[in-house]
């Protein structure tokens, strides 16, 4: 098979499974926000899953990438796999021992003195996911994209099914006091656990996924090469250091909200912010899909004479698509808001800010192709560290003053500044003539159209959304016509 076609096919499989998975998980938000009307309860989920992002990076400590590197360069692929797997088994076992020993203290430190079980459940989820990391990496290394995607999708479906069972069926049976054939379901629900069923569902999914990976686990020869392990660690640990600032950029706002706001409102604000953050994820789903397809595309066209013009053209279409997503969400926010429970809707003002923040993250990805093409990837680390500094500094300054709005603006400032810096550096190392008028004009126009549409408050509900979506389709038609004229010159094939 043509290598590029094979790469594209595997990219589609990995990308589709990831996007569908995130989309399916996205639809759990209404279940949580309607079943737990108090935003403080959803704040618990938001906080703990922010911690998992850090701990997942720490517990895998770059071993997946080390597996790829050393398997490609070694004639003993089995030894590399076995060493990496045993390394993670050892560190995960030590982590679980420490967790069991200090669970009460950790729960108290996190201000959950009566809920040590939260710490243990989430800790075990992280451990099981860490143990699964190397078998999943082995599937990728063996180019078994279909099995990888199947298991990832199964994990998500099991998690959703368990959530629907505990928080849908069992909680409904308990709350309604139902009798008859479903009376057994009410007996399985314990209101004292409450939001903890989210963690139980995830724990079940992670445990069953690791079980389904048993063929990959059994295939390991259980041989530990100490010299190889040391080389793998020296390769992997810098990747851990480089990965942590990215986690700061993605999740630190949700961690800091709890500790920088007064105790009486912190968890409520965290819950509201976490739920409304999920609405803005519509933009990041598109960006994730784009990234899966764009990176191999950029490299495939790198040696073309017209490559830089092609990259500029791709940016035009990307900005247009993101601007239309922003406009589509904001023109329909009046009904999209029902995606979250009533008490969470006070935080809808963060949605346009976070949508634009995600747009800036996508622009940063496009601009940053220069350091990947020129093999100067250290600049990626520098830019990520810059973003982490902006995230920490602005969150610490703004959250006590503006609450979750400060967190949203800090996210926009982080990704926006990273995009600007990457553009400026790229002009020096690999100049591409991006169309700045379009790059800045399309988002500005989308914001302007949305703000003008917001003035039509006197229209009836049905008329307003007919009018708004008419504007959206008109904007789409005009933009497509403009871009097609701009794209008339054919691009040479790779």
Foldseek 3Di string as FASTA:
>chain_A
DPPLVLLLVLLCLVLVLVLVLLVLVLLCQALVQVLDVQLLLLLVVLQLVLVLVLLLLVLLLQLLVLLLVCCVVDPCNLQSLLQSLVVSVVSLVVQLVVCVVCLCVVCVVLVNNPCSVLSNLSSLLSSLVSSVSSLLSVCVSVVVSNVSSVLSNQLSVQLVVQCCLASNLQVVCLVVVDDDPSVVSVVVHDVVCPSVSNSVSNSVSSVVSSVVSVVSVVSRPNDHDPVSSVVSNVVRNVVSVLCNLVSLLVRVLLNVQCVLEPVVCSSSLSSLLVSLLSLLCVLVSVLSSCVSNVLVVLVQCVPPPCSLVVLLLVLLVLLLVLLLVLLVCLLPVVVVLSSGDPSSSVPNVLNSLQSLLSSLLSLLVSLQVLCVSVVVCVVVSVLSVQLSVLLVVQSNVPCNPPNVSSNSNSSSVSSNVSSVVSQVVCCVRPNHPHDVCSNPVSNVVSVVVSVVLVVPPVDPPVVSSVVSVVVSVVSVVVSVVVSCVVCVDDDDDD
